[in-house]
Amino acid sequence: MSKTIIEMKGIVKSFYIGTPNELEILHGLNISVPEGQFVSIVGASGSGKSTLMNIVGALDRQTAGHYSLDGIDITKISDNELSSIRNKKIGFVFQTFNLIARTSALKNVELPMLYAGMPSRERTKRARELLELVEMTERSGHMPNELSGGQKQRVAIARAMANDPAIILADEPTGALDSKTGRLVMDIFHKLHKEQGKTIVLITHNPELAEETDRVITLSDGSIVSDRMLKGGAAE
């Protein structure tokens, strides 16, 4: 039995608590993700995908319920501890890339390792290895404004892998890319999943991309309306 990486029980998220405008966005979600699974979370705009993603990514806290990430009870830790866990346990890949301007691809990949206190020589070596993994070695000295959208996203994926996180959380990672470039990016996720056994959570509005993963969780109006395993998992 593989260990459980994400364990969510009765997750509720409300806003404007205690006011006449109090609004419950997530209604008691239960989600369990084992190590090494490639799971997609889909749903229409307003379904609660972004709210759930922020809680999974420890960017926000639930109003009620329990969330454990790689054995750590997120509910009981301080904000400073939460920040450290985000850096070490979660690799983020966003639609907008979120690379640091006027900073080379190599230095962008090194950044999470710098925050984690890794020595300079060690983090540079790992950053070069990760850029090689995403086939960006020749662009390691380039600034973000010198890279195409697809190249930026590959750098972002390398950065997400920097601290060997428990999960990669990808929010619409192909949303700003053309279909051909998006295909290349998805192929990298499949490579990380199959060759390195990475646990990946993909937030997407694209049903075709979702069908490539091991499992599809569908949200509607803040509730899970479907949670299905796909035969054979990710596309070959």
Protein backbone atom coordinates (compact mmCIF):
# COMPACT_ATOMS: atom_id res chain seq x y z
CA MET A 1 0.00 0.00 0.00
CA SER A 2 1.38 3.41 -0.97
CA LYS A 3 1.16 6.14 1.65
CA THR A 4 -1.46 8.88 1.50
CA ILE A 5 -0.07 12.27 0.45
CA ILE A 6 -3.27 14.34 0.58
CA GLU A 7 -5.94 13.54 3.16
CA MET A 8 -8.91 15.91 3.33
CA LYS A 9 -11.93 15.23 5.52
CA GLY A 10 -15.01 17.45 5.72
CA ILE A 11 -13.32 20.46 4.14
CA VAL A 12 -15.51 23.54 4.39
CA LYS A 13 -14.52 27.01 3.22
CA SER A 14 -16.63 30.05 4.00
CA PHE A 15 -16.11 33.76 3.45
CA TYR A 16 -17.55 36.81 5.27
CA ILE A 17 -17.99 34.62 8.35
CA GLY A 18 -20.38 36.04 10.92
CA THR A 19 -21.90 38.60 8.56
CA PRO A 20 -25.24 38.59 6.74
CA ASN A 21 -23.23 37.95 3.56
CA GLU A 22 -21.58 34.76 4.86
CA LEU A 23 -20.95 32.47 1.91
CA GLU A 24 -19.94 28.80 2.02
CA ILE A 25 -17.91 27.90 -1.09
CA LEU A 26 -16.81 24.34 -0.28
CA HIS A 27 -19.31 22.02 1.39
CA GLY A 28 -17.54 19.28 3.35
CA LEU A 29 -15.19 17.75 0.74
CA ASN A 30 -13.48 14.40 1.32
CA ILE A 31 -10.42 13.72 -0.85
CA SER A 32 -7.64 11.17 -0.40
CA VAL A 33 -4.71 11.05 -2.84
CA PRO A 34 -2.10 8.26 -2.57
CA GLU A 35 1.56 8.78 -3.37
CA GLY A 36 2.32 8.63 -7.08
CA GLN A 37 -1.18 9.39 -8.37
CA PHE A 38 -1.81 11.86 -11.21
CA VAL A 39 -5.19 13.39 -10.37
CA SER A 40 -7.08 16.16 -12.14
CA ILE A 41 -9.66 18.46 -10.59
CA VAL A 42 -12.18 19.83 -13.05
CA GLY A 43 -15.30 21.95 -12.93
CA ALA A 44 -16.94 24.98 -14.44
CA SER A 45 -16.05 28.53 -13.41
CA GLY A 46 -17.46 29.08 -9.92
CA SER A 47 -17.35 25.38 -9.01
CA GLY A 48 -14.82 25.91 -6.21
CA LYS A 49 -11.69 24.68 -8.07
CA SER A 50 -9.58 27.72 -7.22
CA THR A 51 -10.70 27.74 -3.58
CA LEU A 52 -9.83 24.06 -3.26
CA MET A 53 -6.49 24.58 -5.00
CA ASN A 54 -5.56 27.31 -2.52
CA ILE A 55 -6.26 24.96 0.39
CA VAL A 56 -4.42 22.00 -1.20
CA GLY A 57 -1.48 24.33 -1.87
CA ALA A 58 -1.53 25.66 1.72
CA LEU A 59 -2.09 29.17 0.35
CA ASP A 60 -5.28 29.40 2.39
CA ARG A 61 -6.83 27.47 5.28
CA GLN A 62 -10.15 25.70 5.45
CA THR A 63 -12.91 27.06 7.71
CA ALA A 64 -13.70 23.57 9.02
CA GLY A 65 -12.47 20.04 8.44
CA HIS A 66 -9.06 18.35 8.47
CA TYR A 67 -6.21 18.53 5.97
CA SER A 68 -3.07 16.42 6.20
CA LEU A 69 -0.26 16.84 3.64
CA ASP A 70 2.38 14.11 3.51
CA GLY A 71 1.59 13.23 7.11
CA ILE A 72 1.64 16.82 8.40
CA ASP A 73 -1.55 18.17 9.98
CA ILE A 74 -1.90 21.52 8.19
CA THR A 75 -4.70 22.53 10.57
CA LYS A 76 -2.42 22.74 13.60
CA ILE A 77 0.67 24.58 12.37
CA SER A 78 1.59 28.27 12.46
CA ASP A 79 1.69 30.56 9.42
CA ASN A 80 5.51 30.50 9.45
CA GLU A 81 5.53 26.71 9.48
CA LEU A 82 2.93 26.74 6.71
CA SER A 83 5.21 28.89 4.55
CA SER A 84 8.10 26.48 5.06
CA ILE A 85 5.91 23.49 4.17
CA ARG A 86 4.74 25.21 0.98
CA ASN A 87 8.34 25.67 -0.09
CA LYS A 88 9.48 22.14 0.73
CA LYS A 89 6.40 19.99 0.13
CA ILE A 90 4.62 21.66 -2.81
CA GLY A 91 5.88 22.49 -6.29
CA PHE A 92 3.65 25.10 -7.92
CA VAL A 93 3.13 25.50 -11.67
CA PHE A 94 0.84 28.39 -12.63
CA GLN A 95 -0.78 29.43 -15.89
CA THR A 96 1.11 32.75 -15.69
CA PHE A 97 4.51 31.06 -15.06
CA ASN A 98 5.39 33.43 -12.14
CA LEU A 99 9.08 33.58 -13.01
CA ILE A 100 11.20 36.35 -11.50
CA ALA A 101 12.03 39.00 -14.13
CA ARG A 102 15.65 39.96 -14.83
CA THR A 103 16.71 36.65 -13.29
CA SER A 104 18.10 33.81 -15.39
CA ALA A 105 16.29 30.52 -15.86
CA LEU A 106 18.97 28.83 -13.73
CA LYS A 107 18.56 31.30 -10.86
CA ASN A 108 14.77 31.02 -11.05
CA VAL A 109 15.07 27.25 -10.56
CA GLU A 110 17.52 27.76 -7.70
CA LEU A 111 15.21 30.10 -5.78
CA PRO A 112 13.17 27.53 -3.77
CA MET A 113 16.43 25.78 -2.81
CA LEU A 114 17.88 29.11 -1.66
CA TYR A 115 14.86 29.64 0.61
CA ALA A 116 15.29 26.09 1.91
CA GLY A 117 18.90 26.85 2.90
CA MET A 118 20.64 24.57 0.40
CA PRO A 119 24.34 25.42 -0.17
CA SER A 120 25.13 27.37 -3.36
CA ARG A 121 27.13 24.71 -5.20
CA GLU A 122 24.57 22.00 -4.44
CA ARG A 123 21.57 24.04 -5.59
CA THR A 124 23.29 25.13 -8.81
CA LYS A 125 24.11 21.51 -9.61
CA ARG A 126 20.50 20.43 -8.99
CA ALA A 127 19.10 23.36 -10.97
CA ARG A 128 21.21 22.36 -13.97
CA GLU A 129 20.00 18.76 -13.68
CA LEU A 130 16.37 19.89 -13.56
CA LEU A 131 16.77 22.18 -16.57
CA GLU A 132 18.27 19.24 -18.43
CA LEU A 133 15.24 17.14 -17.42
CA VAL A 134 12.88 19.66 -19.08
CA GLU A 135 15.25 20.13 -22.05
CA MET A 136 16.13 23.73 -21.22
CA THR A 137 19.90 23.41 -20.68
CA GLU A 138 20.77 25.68 -23.60
CA ARG A 139 18.49 28.41 -22.23
CA SER A 140 19.73 28.31 -18.63
CA GLY A 141 21.31 31.78 -18.88
CA HIS A 142 18.32 33.43 -20.54
CA MET A 143 15.97 35.86 -18.79
CA PRO A 144 12.19 35.19 -18.81
CA ASN A 145 11.59 37.93 -21.41
CA GLU A 146 13.94 36.04 -23.74
CA LEU A 147 11.90 32.83 -23.51
CA SER A 148 8.73 31.68 -25.27
CA GLY A 149 5.66 30.76 -23.25
CA GLY A 150 6.42 27.07 -23.50
CA GLN A 151 10.03 27.62 -22.45
CA LYS A 152 8.91 29.68 -19.45
CA GLN A 153 6.56 26.90 -18.38
CA ARG A 154 9.33 24.31 -18.65
CA VAL A 155 11.50 26.47 -16.40
CA ALA A 156 8.55 26.77 -14.01
CA ILE A 157 8.21 22.98 -13.92
CA ALA A 158 11.93 22.61 -13.19
CA ARG A 159 11.54 25.15 -10.38
CA ALA A 160 8.55 23.23 -9.02
CA MET A 161 10.77 20.15 -8.74
CA ALA A 162 13.59 22.00 -6.97
CA ASN A 163 13.03 20.73 -3.43
CA ASP A 164 11.75 17.28 -4.50
CA PRO A 165 8.23 18.16 -3.29
CA ALA A 166 5.59 15.71 -2.10
CA ILE A 167 3.19 17.06 -4.73
CA ILE A 168 3.28 19.14 -7.87
CA LEU A 169 0.23 21.42 -7.99
CA ALA A 170 -0.41 22.62 -11.53
CA ASP A 171 -3.07 25.29 -12.04
CA GLU A 172 -4.16 25.46 -15.70
CA PRO A 173 -0.51 24.93 -16.75
CA THR A 174 -1.33 24.91 -20.49
CA GLY A 175 -3.94 27.67 -20.34
CA ALA A 176 -1.70 30.38 -21.81
CA LEU A 177 -0.10 28.12 -24.43
CA ASP A 178 -1.02 27.04 -27.95
CA SER A 179 -2.06 23.41 -28.36
CA LYS A 180 1.30 22.19 -29.66
CA THR A 181 3.26 23.81 -26.83
CA GLY A 182 0.65 22.68 -24.31
CA ARG A 183 1.18 19.12 -25.53
CA LEU A 184 4.91 19.37 -24.81
CA VAL A 185 4.21 20.63 -21.31
CA MET A 186 1.75 17.81 -20.59
CA ASP A 187 4.31 15.31 -21.85
CA ILE A 188 6.75 16.61 -19.21
CA PHE A 189 4.16 16.06 -16.47
CA HIS A 190 3.64 12.49 -17.70
CA LYS A 191 7.41 11.98 -17.68
CA LEU A 192 7.69 13.20 -14.07
CA HIS A 193 4.77 11.00 -13.09
CA LYS A 194 6.00 7.82 -14.76
CA GLU A 195 9.76 8.09 -14.38
CA GLN A 196 9.97 9.77 -10.98
CA GLY A 197 6.68 8.65 -9.46
CA LYS A 198 5.59 12.21 -8.72
CA THR A 199 2.19 12.91 -7.17
CA ILE A 200 0.59 15.52 -9.42
CA VAL A 201 -2.61 17.51 -8.91
CA LEU A 202 -3.78 19.17 -12.12
CA ILE A 203 -6.43 21.91 -11.98
CA THR A 204 -7.94 22.26 -15.45
CA HIS A 205 -11.07 23.27 -17.32
CA ASN A 206 -9.92 21.13 -20.27
CA PRO A 207 -11.68 17.72 -20.18
CA GLU A 208 -9.27 16.26 -22.76
CA LEU A 209 -6.28 16.93 -20.50
CA ALA A 210 -8.15 15.55 -17.50
CA GLU A 211 -8.78 12.30 -19.38
CA GLU A 212 -5.00 11.75 -19.60
CA THR A 213 -4.65 11.47 -15.83
CA ASP A 214 -5.20 8.53 -13.46
CA ARG A 215 -8.24 10.02 -11.79
CA VAL A 216 -10.73 12.83 -12.38
CA ILE A 217 -12.47 14.68 -9.53
CA THR A 218 -15.32 16.88 -10.76
CA LEU A 219 -16.59 19.80 -8.68
CA SER A 220 -19.90 21.61 -9.04
CA ASP A 221 -21.13 24.37 -6.74
CA GLY A 222 -18.55 23.48 -4.11
CA SER A 223 -19.32 19.76 -3.93
CA ILE A 224 -17.73 16.68 -5.50
CA VAL A 225 -20.19 15.33 -8.05
CA SER A 226 -17.88 12.71 -9.53
CA ASP A 227 -14.64 10.99 -8.51
CA ARG A 228 -13.59 8.36 -11.02
CA MET A 229 -10.51 6.34 -11.78
CA LEU A 230 -9.63 6.08 -15.45
CA LYS A 231 -8.85 2.68 -16.91
CA GLY A 232 -5.12 2.36 -17.31
CA GLY A 233 -4.47 5.79 -15.85
CA ALA A 234 -2.49 8.34 -17.84
CA ALA A 235 -2.27 8.17 -21.60
CA GLU A 236 0.64 6.28 -23.02
